[in-house]
N, C-alpha and C. Protein backbone atom coordinates (compact mmCIF):
# COMPACT_ATOMS: atom_id res chain seq x y z
N MET A 1 0.84 -1.19 0.00
CA MET A 1 0.00 0.00 0.00
C MET A 1 0.88 1.25 0.00
N GLY A 2 0.47 2.24 -0.79
CA GLY A 2 1.20 3.49 -0.85
C GLY A 2 0.73 4.45 0.22
N THR A 3 1.66 5.04 0.96
CA THR A 3 1.33 6.02 2.00
C THR A 3 1.97 7.34 1.66
N GLU A 4 1.20 8.40 1.79
CA GLU A 4 1.69 9.75 1.55
C GLU A 4 1.12 10.66 2.62
N VAL A 5 1.94 11.59 3.10
CA VAL A 5 1.50 12.56 4.10
C VAL A 5 1.43 13.92 3.44
N ARG A 6 0.27 14.57 3.57
CA ARG A 6 0.04 15.86 2.92
C ARG A 6 -0.45 16.88 3.96
N PRO A 7 -0.14 18.17 3.75
CA PRO A 7 -0.67 19.20 4.65
C PRO A 7 -2.20 19.23 4.58
N ALA A 8 -2.81 19.68 5.67
CA ALA A 8 -4.27 19.76 5.73
C ALA A 8 -4.84 20.95 4.97
N VAL A 9 -4.00 21.87 4.52
CA VAL A 9 -4.48 23.06 3.81
C VAL A 9 -5.23 22.61 2.55
N GLY A 10 -6.47 23.07 2.44
CA GLY A 10 -7.30 22.71 1.29
C GLY A 10 -7.89 21.31 1.37
N ARG A 11 -7.78 20.67 2.53
CA ARG A 11 -8.22 19.28 2.66
C ARG A 11 -9.15 19.08 3.87
N PHE A 12 -10.06 20.00 4.10
CA PHE A 12 -10.95 19.84 5.25
C PHE A 12 -11.77 18.56 5.15
N GLU A 13 -12.22 18.20 3.95
CA GLU A 13 -13.02 16.98 3.79
C GLU A 13 -12.24 15.75 4.25
N ASP A 14 -10.93 15.73 3.97
CA ASP A 14 -10.09 14.61 4.40
C ASP A 14 -9.88 14.65 5.91
N PHE A 15 -9.68 15.85 6.45
CA PHE A 15 -9.59 16.01 7.91
C PHE A 15 -10.87 15.46 8.56
N TYR A 16 -12.01 15.81 7.97
CA TYR A 16 -13.30 15.37 8.50
C TYR A 16 -13.40 13.84 8.50
N GLU A 17 -12.88 13.19 7.46
CA GLU A 17 -12.94 11.73 7.40
C GLU A 17 -12.19 11.09 8.56
N VAL A 18 -11.10 11.71 8.98
CA VAL A 18 -10.30 11.15 10.06
C VAL A 18 -10.84 11.56 11.43
N LEU A 19 -11.22 12.83 11.59
CA LEU A 19 -11.55 13.36 12.92
C LEU A 19 -12.99 13.82 13.11
N GLY A 20 -13.72 13.92 12.04
CA GLY A 20 -15.07 14.45 12.14
C GLY A 20 -16.02 13.53 12.88
N VAL A 21 -16.94 14.14 13.59
CA VAL A 21 -17.97 13.39 14.31
C VAL A 21 -19.13 13.16 13.34
N LYS A 22 -19.38 11.91 13.02
CA LYS A 22 -20.40 11.58 11.99
C LYS A 22 -21.81 11.47 12.57
N LYS A 23 -21.91 11.16 13.86
CA LYS A 23 -23.21 10.96 14.49
C LYS A 23 -23.89 12.31 14.71
N PRO A 24 -25.11 12.51 14.22
CA PRO A 24 -25.81 13.77 14.44
C PRO A 24 -25.90 14.08 15.94
N GLY A 25 -25.49 15.30 16.29
CA GLY A 25 -25.52 15.71 17.69
C GLY A 25 -24.37 15.16 18.51
N GLY A 26 -23.49 14.38 17.88
CA GLY A 26 -22.36 13.79 18.61
C GLY A 26 -21.35 14.85 19.00
N ARG A 27 -20.63 14.55 20.06
CA ARG A 27 -19.60 15.48 20.55
C ARG A 27 -18.25 14.87 20.25
N GLY A 28 -17.27 15.72 20.06
CA GLY A 28 -15.93 15.22 19.80
C GLY A 28 -14.92 16.34 19.93
N CYS A 29 -13.66 15.96 19.94
CA CYS A 29 -12.59 16.93 20.13
C CYS A 29 -12.40 17.83 18.91
N TRP A 30 -12.49 17.25 17.71
CA TRP A 30 -12.23 18.00 16.47
C TRP A 30 -10.85 18.64 16.51
N CYS A 31 -9.94 18.05 17.30
CA CYS A 31 -8.58 18.57 17.47
C CYS A 31 -8.58 19.98 18.06
N MET A 32 -9.51 20.23 18.94
CA MET A 32 -9.63 21.55 19.56
C MET A 32 -9.15 21.56 21.01
N SER A 33 -8.88 20.41 21.59
CA SER A 33 -8.51 20.35 22.99
C SER A 33 -7.32 21.25 23.33
N TYR A 34 -6.29 21.23 22.49
CA TYR A 34 -5.13 22.09 22.73
C TYR A 34 -5.28 23.46 22.08
N ARG A 35 -6.04 23.54 20.98
CA ARG A 35 -6.17 24.82 20.28
C ARG A 35 -6.99 25.81 21.09
N ASP A 36 -8.23 25.46 21.38
CA ASP A 36 -9.08 26.34 22.16
C ASP A 36 -10.35 25.59 22.53
N SER A 37 -10.32 24.94 23.67
CA SER A 37 -11.46 24.11 24.08
C SER A 37 -12.69 24.94 24.44
N ARG A 38 -12.55 26.28 24.45
CA ARG A 38 -13.71 27.12 24.73
C ARG A 38 -14.68 27.16 23.55
N VAL A 39 -14.18 26.80 22.35
CA VAL A 39 -15.04 26.80 21.17
C VAL A 39 -16.12 25.74 21.36
N ALA A 40 -17.37 26.13 21.26
CA ALA A 40 -18.49 25.21 21.46
C ALA A 40 -18.46 24.09 20.43
N ASN A 41 -18.89 22.91 20.84
CA ASN A 41 -18.84 21.75 19.97
C ASN A 41 -19.47 21.98 18.60
N PRO A 42 -20.66 22.60 18.53
CA PRO A 42 -21.27 22.81 17.20
C PRO A 42 -20.45 23.75 16.30
N ASP A 43 -19.59 24.59 16.91
CA ASP A 43 -18.79 25.54 16.14
C ASP A 43 -17.42 25.01 15.72
N ARG A 44 -17.05 23.85 16.23
CA ARG A 44 -15.72 23.32 15.96
C ARG A 44 -15.48 22.96 14.50
N PRO A 45 -16.44 22.35 13.80
CA PRO A 45 -16.18 22.04 12.39
C PRO A 45 -15.85 23.28 11.57
N ALA A 46 -16.60 24.35 11.76
CA ALA A 46 -16.34 25.59 11.00
C ALA A 46 -14.99 26.19 11.38
N PHE A 47 -14.62 26.11 12.65
CA PHE A 47 -13.34 26.62 13.11
C PHE A 47 -12.20 25.89 12.40
N MET A 48 -12.28 24.55 12.38
CA MET A 48 -11.23 23.76 11.74
C MET A 48 -11.26 23.90 10.23
N GLU A 49 -12.43 24.06 9.66
CA GLU A 49 -12.51 24.28 8.21
C GLU A 49 -11.79 25.55 7.82
N GLU A 50 -11.93 26.60 8.63
CA GLU A 50 -11.23 27.85 8.37
C GLU A 50 -9.72 27.67 8.48
N LEU A 51 -9.26 26.93 9.50
CA LEU A 51 -7.82 26.68 9.63
C LEU A 51 -7.28 25.89 8.44
N CYS A 52 -8.10 25.01 7.90
CA CYS A 52 -7.68 24.22 6.73
C CYS A 52 -7.64 25.04 5.45
N ARG A 53 -8.14 26.27 5.50
CA ARG A 53 -8.14 27.13 4.31
C ARG A 53 -6.86 27.96 4.21
N THR A 54 -6.15 28.13 5.31
CA THR A 54 -5.03 29.07 5.32
C THR A 54 -3.72 28.40 5.72
N GLU A 55 -2.64 28.90 5.16
CA GLU A 55 -1.30 28.40 5.52
C GLU A 55 -0.95 28.87 6.93
N PRO A 56 -0.26 28.09 7.72
CA PRO A 56 0.30 26.78 7.40
C PRO A 56 -0.67 25.63 7.62
N GLY A 57 -1.89 25.92 8.05
CA GLY A 57 -2.86 24.88 8.34
C GLY A 57 -2.65 24.29 9.72
N PRO A 58 -3.57 23.41 10.13
CA PRO A 58 -3.52 22.87 11.49
C PRO A 58 -2.74 21.57 11.65
N GLY A 59 -2.24 20.99 10.55
CA GLY A 59 -1.53 19.73 10.68
C GLY A 59 -1.36 19.02 9.36
N VAL A 60 -1.10 17.72 9.46
CA VAL A 60 -0.89 16.89 8.27
C VAL A 60 -1.77 15.66 8.33
N ILE A 61 -2.08 15.14 7.14
CA ILE A 61 -2.95 13.97 7.01
C ILE A 61 -2.20 12.88 6.27
N ALA A 62 -2.28 11.65 6.78
CA ALA A 62 -1.69 10.50 6.11
C ALA A 62 -2.76 9.85 5.23
N PHE A 63 -2.38 9.56 4.01
CA PHE A 63 -3.27 8.89 3.06
C PHE A 63 -2.68 7.52 2.74
N VAL A 64 -3.50 6.50 2.78
CA VAL A 64 -3.10 5.16 2.36
C VAL A 64 -3.89 4.86 1.10
N ASP A 65 -3.18 4.71 -0.01
CA ASP A 65 -3.84 4.53 -1.30
C ASP A 65 -4.92 5.59 -1.52
N ASP A 66 -4.57 6.84 -1.22
CA ASP A 66 -5.43 8.01 -1.39
C ASP A 66 -6.64 8.05 -0.46
N THR A 67 -6.67 7.18 0.54
CA THR A 67 -7.74 7.22 1.54
C THR A 67 -7.22 7.90 2.80
N PRO A 68 -7.90 8.94 3.32
CA PRO A 68 -7.44 9.59 4.56
C PRO A 68 -7.43 8.59 5.70
N ALA A 69 -6.25 8.37 6.29
CA ALA A 69 -6.10 7.31 7.28
C ALA A 69 -5.60 7.79 8.64
N GLY A 70 -4.93 8.95 8.69
CA GLY A 70 -4.37 9.40 9.96
C GLY A 70 -4.16 10.89 9.98
N TRP A 71 -3.95 11.41 11.18
CA TRP A 71 -3.84 12.84 11.41
C TRP A 71 -2.74 13.12 12.41
N CYS A 72 -2.01 14.21 12.20
CA CYS A 72 -1.06 14.72 13.19
C CYS A 72 -1.24 16.23 13.27
N SER A 73 -1.53 16.72 14.47
CA SER A 73 -1.67 18.15 14.69
C SER A 73 -0.29 18.73 14.92
N VAL A 74 0.11 19.65 14.03
CA VAL A 74 1.42 20.31 14.16
C VAL A 74 1.27 21.76 13.71
N ALA A 75 1.69 22.68 14.57
CA ALA A 75 1.56 24.11 14.30
C ALA A 75 2.43 24.84 15.33
N PRO A 76 2.65 26.13 15.16
CA PRO A 76 3.41 26.87 16.17
C PRO A 76 2.76 26.76 17.55
N ARG A 77 3.58 26.63 18.57
CA ARG A 77 3.05 26.51 19.93
C ARG A 77 2.13 27.69 20.27
N SER A 78 2.46 28.86 19.76
CA SER A 78 1.66 30.05 20.06
C SER A 78 0.24 29.96 19.53
N SER A 79 -0.04 28.99 18.65
CA SER A 79 -1.40 28.83 18.12
C SER A 79 -2.26 27.90 18.98
N TYR A 80 -1.66 27.31 20.00
CA TYR A 80 -2.38 26.40 20.89
C TYR A 80 -2.62 27.09 22.23
N ARG A 81 -3.84 27.53 22.47
CA ARG A 81 -4.16 28.25 23.70
C ARG A 81 -3.82 27.44 24.95
N ARG A 82 -4.15 26.15 24.92
CA ARG A 82 -3.91 25.31 26.10
C ARG A 82 -2.41 25.20 26.41
N LEU A 83 -1.57 25.11 25.39
CA LEU A 83 -0.13 25.05 25.62
C LEU A 83 0.42 26.37 26.14
N MET A 84 -0.13 27.46 25.62
CA MET A 84 0.34 28.78 26.06
C MET A 84 0.02 29.03 27.53
N ASN A 85 -1.03 28.39 28.03
CA ASN A 85 -1.45 28.58 29.41
C ASN A 85 -1.21 27.35 30.29
N SER A 86 -0.42 26.40 29.77
CA SER A 86 -0.25 25.12 30.47
C SER A 86 0.50 25.28 31.79
N ARG A 87 0.00 24.58 32.81
CA ARG A 87 0.70 24.52 34.09
C ARG A 87 1.54 23.26 34.18
N THR A 88 1.38 22.35 33.21
CA THR A 88 2.08 21.07 33.27
C THR A 88 3.17 20.91 32.20
N ILE A 89 3.08 21.67 31.11
CA ILE A 89 4.09 21.60 30.05
C ILE A 89 4.76 22.97 29.97
N PRO A 90 5.94 23.09 30.55
CA PRO A 90 6.58 24.40 30.65
C PRO A 90 7.22 24.86 29.34
N PHE A 91 7.50 26.15 29.29
CA PHE A 91 8.31 26.72 28.21
C PHE A 91 9.78 26.46 28.54
N LEU A 92 10.57 26.12 27.55
CA LEU A 92 11.99 25.89 27.77
C LEU A 92 12.81 27.15 27.56
N ASP A 93 12.31 28.03 26.68
CA ASP A 93 13.02 29.27 26.37
C ASP A 93 12.02 30.21 25.71
N ASP A 94 12.51 31.29 25.14
CA ASP A 94 11.59 32.28 24.56
C ASP A 94 11.32 32.06 23.08
N ARG A 95 11.76 30.94 22.53
CA ARG A 95 11.46 30.62 21.13
C ARG A 95 10.00 30.18 21.01
N ASP A 96 9.47 30.24 19.80
CA ASP A 96 8.12 29.74 19.53
C ASP A 96 8.25 28.47 18.70
N PRO A 97 8.48 27.34 19.37
CA PRO A 97 8.65 26.10 18.61
C PRO A 97 7.34 25.68 17.96
N TRP A 98 7.45 24.89 16.92
CA TRP A 98 6.28 24.20 16.39
C TRP A 98 6.05 23.01 17.30
N SER A 99 4.78 22.73 17.60
CA SER A 99 4.43 21.67 18.53
C SER A 99 3.62 20.57 17.85
N VAL A 100 4.03 19.34 18.12
CA VAL A 100 3.27 18.16 17.70
C VAL A 100 2.46 17.75 18.92
N VAL A 101 1.13 17.88 18.85
CA VAL A 101 0.35 17.63 20.06
C VAL A 101 -0.50 16.37 20.03
N CYS A 102 -0.83 15.86 18.83
CA CYS A 102 -1.63 14.64 18.84
C CYS A 102 -1.56 13.90 17.53
N PHE A 103 -1.85 12.61 17.63
CA PHE A 103 -1.94 11.72 16.48
C PHE A 103 -3.28 11.00 16.55
N VAL A 104 -3.89 10.78 15.39
CA VAL A 104 -5.09 9.97 15.30
C VAL A 104 -4.92 9.07 14.08
N VAL A 105 -5.11 7.76 14.27
CA VAL A 105 -5.09 6.81 13.16
C VAL A 105 -6.42 6.08 13.16
N ARG A 106 -7.08 6.10 12.01
CA ARG A 106 -8.41 5.49 11.92
C ARG A 106 -8.35 3.98 12.11
N PRO A 107 -9.41 3.40 12.70
CA PRO A 107 -9.49 1.94 12.77
C PRO A 107 -9.36 1.36 11.36
N GLY A 108 -8.71 0.24 11.28
CA GLY A 108 -8.48 -0.39 9.98
C GLY A 108 -7.13 -0.01 9.39
N PHE A 109 -6.51 1.05 9.92
CA PHE A 109 -5.20 1.49 9.44
C PHE A 109 -4.15 1.44 10.56
N ARG A 110 -4.53 0.96 11.71
CA ARG A 110 -3.61 0.93 12.84
C ARG A 110 -2.62 -0.23 12.73
N ARG A 111 -1.53 -0.11 13.47
CA ARG A 111 -0.45 -1.11 13.50
C ARG A 111 0.24 -1.28 12.15
N ARG A 112 0.32 -0.19 11.42
CA ARG A 112 1.02 -0.19 10.13
C ARG A 112 2.16 0.82 10.11
N GLY A 113 2.44 1.43 11.25
CA GLY A 113 3.52 2.41 11.30
C GLY A 113 3.14 3.80 10.84
N LEU A 114 1.84 4.09 10.77
CA LEU A 114 1.41 5.41 10.28
C LEU A 114 1.85 6.55 11.19
N MET A 115 2.02 6.29 12.47
CA MET A 115 2.47 7.38 13.34
C MET A 115 3.88 7.82 12.95
N HIS A 116 4.70 6.88 12.51
CA HIS A 116 6.03 7.24 12.01
C HIS A 116 5.91 8.10 10.76
N ASP A 117 5.05 7.69 9.84
CA ASP A 117 4.83 8.48 8.62
C ASP A 117 4.33 9.87 8.96
N LEU A 118 3.39 9.94 9.89
CA LEU A 118 2.81 11.23 10.28
C LEU A 118 3.86 12.14 10.92
N LEU A 119 4.68 11.59 11.81
CA LEU A 119 5.69 12.42 12.46
C LEU A 119 6.74 12.90 11.45
N SER A 120 7.13 12.03 10.54
CA SER A 120 8.07 12.44 9.49
C SER A 120 7.46 13.56 8.65
N GLY A 121 6.19 13.42 8.31
CA GLY A 121 5.50 14.44 7.53
C GLY A 121 5.35 15.74 8.30
N ALA A 122 5.14 15.65 9.63
CA ALA A 122 5.02 16.85 10.46
C ALA A 122 6.34 17.61 10.51
N VAL A 123 7.45 16.88 10.61
CA VAL A 123 8.77 17.51 10.61
C VAL A 123 8.99 18.25 9.30
N ALA A 124 8.70 17.58 8.20
CA ALA A 124 8.89 18.20 6.88
C ALA A 124 8.00 19.42 6.71
N HIS A 125 6.75 19.32 7.15
CA HIS A 125 5.80 20.43 7.04
C HIS A 125 6.29 21.65 7.84
N ALA A 126 6.73 21.41 9.06
CA ALA A 126 7.23 22.52 9.90
C ALA A 126 8.46 23.15 9.26
N ALA A 127 9.36 22.33 8.77
CA ALA A 127 10.58 22.85 8.15
C ALA A 127 10.26 23.68 6.91
N GLU A 128 9.30 23.21 6.11
CA GLU A 128 8.91 23.94 4.90
C GLU A 128 8.30 25.30 5.21
N HIS A 129 7.80 25.45 6.44
CA HIS A 129 7.20 26.72 6.84
C HIS A 129 8.14 27.54 7.74
N GLY A 130 9.42 27.20 7.70
CA GLY A 130 10.42 28.03 8.37
C GLY A 130 10.65 27.76 9.84
N ALA A 131 10.10 26.68 10.38
CA ALA A 131 10.31 26.38 11.80
C ALA A 131 11.79 26.11 12.05
N SER A 132 12.30 26.60 13.17
CA SER A 132 13.69 26.34 13.53
C SER A 132 13.80 25.23 14.58
N VAL A 133 12.70 24.99 15.30
CA VAL A 133 12.71 23.94 16.30
C VAL A 133 11.29 23.37 16.40
N LEU A 134 11.24 22.08 16.62
CA LEU A 134 9.97 21.36 16.71
C LEU A 134 9.99 20.60 18.03
N GLU A 135 8.86 20.60 18.74
CA GLU A 135 8.81 19.84 19.98
C GLU A 135 7.52 19.06 20.09
N GLY A 136 7.59 17.96 20.85
CA GLY A 136 6.43 17.14 21.15
C GLY A 136 6.44 16.84 22.64
N TYR A 137 5.35 16.24 23.11
CA TYR A 137 5.17 16.02 24.54
C TYR A 137 4.71 14.57 24.77
N PRO A 138 5.54 13.62 24.31
CA PRO A 138 5.13 12.22 24.34
C PRO A 138 5.22 11.59 25.72
N MET A 139 4.58 10.43 25.84
CA MET A 139 4.62 9.67 27.08
C MET A 139 5.80 8.72 27.08
N GLU A 140 6.29 8.44 28.27
CA GLU A 140 7.34 7.46 28.44
C GLU A 140 6.68 6.10 28.61
N LEU A 141 7.07 5.17 27.79
CA LEU A 141 6.46 3.84 27.81
C LEU A 141 7.54 2.81 28.10
N GLU A 142 7.28 1.95 29.06
CA GLU A 142 8.25 0.93 29.41
C GLU A 142 8.47 0.01 28.21
N GLU A 143 9.73 -0.44 28.05
CA GLU A 143 10.07 -1.28 26.91
C GLU A 143 9.20 -2.53 26.88
N GLY A 144 8.70 -2.84 25.69
CA GLY A 144 7.87 -4.02 25.52
C GLY A 144 6.41 -3.84 25.88
N ARG A 145 6.05 -2.68 26.43
CA ARG A 145 4.66 -2.43 26.81
C ARG A 145 3.90 -1.82 25.65
N ARG A 146 2.62 -2.05 25.62
CA ARG A 146 1.76 -1.46 24.60
C ARG A 146 0.98 -0.32 25.23
N VAL A 147 0.56 0.60 24.39
CA VAL A 147 -0.20 1.74 24.88
C VAL A 147 -1.62 1.63 24.34
N ASP A 148 -2.58 2.03 25.15
CA ASP A 148 -3.96 2.00 24.68
C ASP A 148 -4.21 3.18 23.73
N VAL A 149 -5.20 3.03 22.88
CA VAL A 149 -5.49 4.01 21.84
C VAL A 149 -5.77 5.39 22.43
N ILE A 150 -6.48 5.44 23.53
CA ILE A 150 -6.86 6.74 24.11
C ILE A 150 -5.64 7.49 24.65
N SER A 151 -4.79 6.82 25.40
CA SER A 151 -3.62 7.49 25.98
C SER A 151 -2.53 7.75 24.95
N GLY A 152 -2.50 6.96 23.89
CA GLY A 152 -1.41 7.04 22.93
C GLY A 152 -1.47 8.19 21.96
N TYR A 153 -2.48 9.04 22.06
CA TYR A 153 -2.61 10.13 21.09
C TYR A 153 -1.43 11.09 21.12
N VAL A 154 -0.66 11.11 22.23
CA VAL A 154 0.48 12.03 22.34
C VAL A 154 1.77 11.44 21.77
N GLY A 155 1.75 10.15 21.41
CA GLY A 155 2.96 9.48 20.95
C GLY A 155 3.82 9.04 22.11
N THR A 156 4.89 8.33 21.79
CA THR A 156 5.80 7.82 22.81
C THR A 156 7.18 8.44 22.62
N THR A 157 7.96 8.43 23.69
CA THR A 157 9.34 8.93 23.59
C THR A 157 10.12 8.12 22.57
N GLU A 158 9.84 6.84 22.47
CA GLU A 158 10.52 5.98 21.50
C GLU A 158 10.23 6.43 20.07
N LEU A 159 8.97 6.75 19.79
CA LEU A 159 8.58 7.24 18.47
C LEU A 159 9.35 8.51 18.13
N PHE A 160 9.33 9.48 19.04
CA PHE A 160 9.99 10.76 18.77
C PHE A 160 11.50 10.59 18.63
N ALA A 161 12.11 9.75 19.47
CA ALA A 161 13.55 9.52 19.38
C ALA A 161 13.93 8.93 18.03
N ALA A 162 13.07 8.09 17.47
CA ALA A 162 13.34 7.48 16.17
C ALA A 162 13.36 8.51 15.05
N HIS A 163 12.84 9.71 15.31
CA HIS A 163 12.80 10.77 14.31
C HIS A 163 13.71 11.95 14.67
N GLY A 164 14.72 11.67 15.48
CA GLY A 164 15.74 12.67 15.76
C GLY A 164 15.41 13.65 16.87
N PHE A 165 14.36 13.40 17.64
CA PHE A 165 14.03 14.26 18.77
C PHE A 165 14.82 13.80 19.99
N GLU A 166 15.17 14.74 20.83
CA GLU A 166 15.89 14.44 22.06
C GLU A 166 15.12 15.00 23.25
N VAL A 167 15.24 14.31 24.38
CA VAL A 167 14.59 14.80 25.60
C VAL A 167 15.20 16.15 25.96
N ALA A 168 14.33 17.15 26.11
CA ALA A 168 14.80 18.51 26.39
C ALA A 168 14.38 18.99 27.76
N GLY A 169 13.43 18.32 28.38
CA GLY A 169 13.00 18.74 29.71
C GLY A 169 11.83 17.92 30.20
N PRO A 170 11.59 17.96 31.51
CA PRO A 170 10.46 17.23 32.10
C PRO A 170 9.18 18.04 32.03
N THR A 171 8.09 17.35 32.21
CA THR A 171 6.79 17.99 32.40
C THR A 171 6.17 17.38 33.65
N THR A 172 5.09 17.95 34.11
CA THR A 172 4.32 17.31 35.17
C THR A 172 3.04 16.71 34.59
N ALA A 173 2.97 16.66 33.26
CA ALA A 173 1.82 16.09 32.56
C ALA A 173 1.93 14.56 32.51
N HIS A 174 0.79 13.92 32.40
CA HIS A 174 0.74 12.46 32.28
C HIS A 174 -0.28 12.08 31.21
N SER A 175 -0.10 10.92 30.64
CA SER A 175 -1.08 10.33 29.74
C SER A 175 -1.15 8.85 30.07
N GLY A 176 -2.34 8.38 30.38
CA GLY A 176 -2.47 6.98 30.80
C GLY A 176 -1.64 6.68 32.03
N HIS A 177 -1.52 7.63 32.95
CA HIS A 177 -0.75 7.51 34.18
C HIS A 177 0.75 7.38 33.94
N ARG A 178 1.20 7.72 32.73
CA ARG A 178 2.62 7.65 32.42
C ARG A 178 3.17 9.07 32.26
N PRO A 179 4.42 9.30 32.68
CA PRO A 179 4.99 10.64 32.57
C PRO A 179 5.20 11.05 31.11
N ARG A 180 5.08 12.34 30.87
CA ARG A 180 5.34 12.90 29.55
C ARG A 180 6.57 13.79 29.62
N TRP A 181 7.29 13.88 28.50
CA TRP A 181 8.52 14.65 28.41
C TRP A 181 8.43 15.65 27.28
N ILE A 182 9.18 16.73 27.39
CA ILE A 182 9.35 17.62 26.25
C ILE A 182 10.50 17.06 25.43
N MET A 183 10.24 16.77 24.17
CA MET A 183 11.29 16.30 23.27
C MET A 183 11.39 17.30 22.13
N ARG A 184 12.62 17.64 21.76
CA ARG A 184 12.84 18.66 20.73
C ARG A 184 13.72 18.15 19.61
N ARG A 185 13.49 18.74 18.46
CA ARG A 185 14.36 18.52 17.31
C ARG A 185 14.66 19.87 16.67
N GLU A 186 15.94 20.18 16.58
CA GLU A 186 16.36 21.40 15.90
C GLU A 186 16.26 21.16 14.40
N LEU A 187 15.78 22.17 13.68
CA LEU A 187 15.66 22.06 12.23
C LEU A 187 16.65 23.00 11.56
N ASP A 188 17.15 22.57 10.44
CA ASP A 188 18.19 23.33 9.72
C ASP A 188 17.62 24.16 8.59
N GLY A 189 16.34 24.45 8.63
CA GLY A 189 15.73 25.19 7.53
C GLY A 189 14.88 24.27 6.68
N PRO A 190 14.43 24.72 5.52
CA PRO A 190 13.51 23.92 4.71
C PRO A 190 14.07 22.56 4.34
N LYS A 191 13.21 21.56 4.41
CA LYS A 191 13.58 20.20 4.03
C LYS A 191 12.56 19.72 2.99
N THR A 192 12.94 18.71 2.27
CA THR A 192 12.01 18.10 1.32
C THR A 192 11.15 17.11 2.09
N ARG A 193 10.10 16.63 1.49
CA ARG A 193 9.23 15.67 2.15
C ARG A 193 9.96 14.37 2.46
N SER A 194 11.02 14.07 1.76
CA SER A 194 11.75 12.84 2.03
C SER A 194 12.74 13.01 3.17
N GLU A 195 12.85 14.22 3.72
CA GLU A 195 13.81 14.57 4.76
C GLU A 195 15.21 14.27 4.31
């Protein structure tokens, strides 16, 4: 199967396939938890549709054989209200890093390594938009342990380390009762999608 990661700009319909709430009246995150959870649930689709209209967009989408299969939220930290006001994920310095805050992989596409594809695509996307540093806030997972789907949305330290990120500082945040770390990767300027 062919996998490609593309920016969400101009692709709200694909974003909706991965993250949209299909049940009438259903509630969902719509990837707003870190952006601005004050936005009312009925207003979230329009909010994200607007973000998908403008550069740099709210993240990247993984396609498997042209089917939207996964999502990674990546944008400047300053665009995430919850991160700007976080009591558990501190600032390391006065830079405005790009932040990778969540991953979503649709059922039927899991256990295929899509989180690796998504993180690689997020790095390339940030670099193409001039980011000098990228950071994530993954959980520490004991070797050989599996993570449940709900807690795993932040990624693991192992995942980030495999993509050149290094532990840069502690947090007091947890996911699935596991500690989370700030991991950073310095970027050397624009990169191609192949890194």
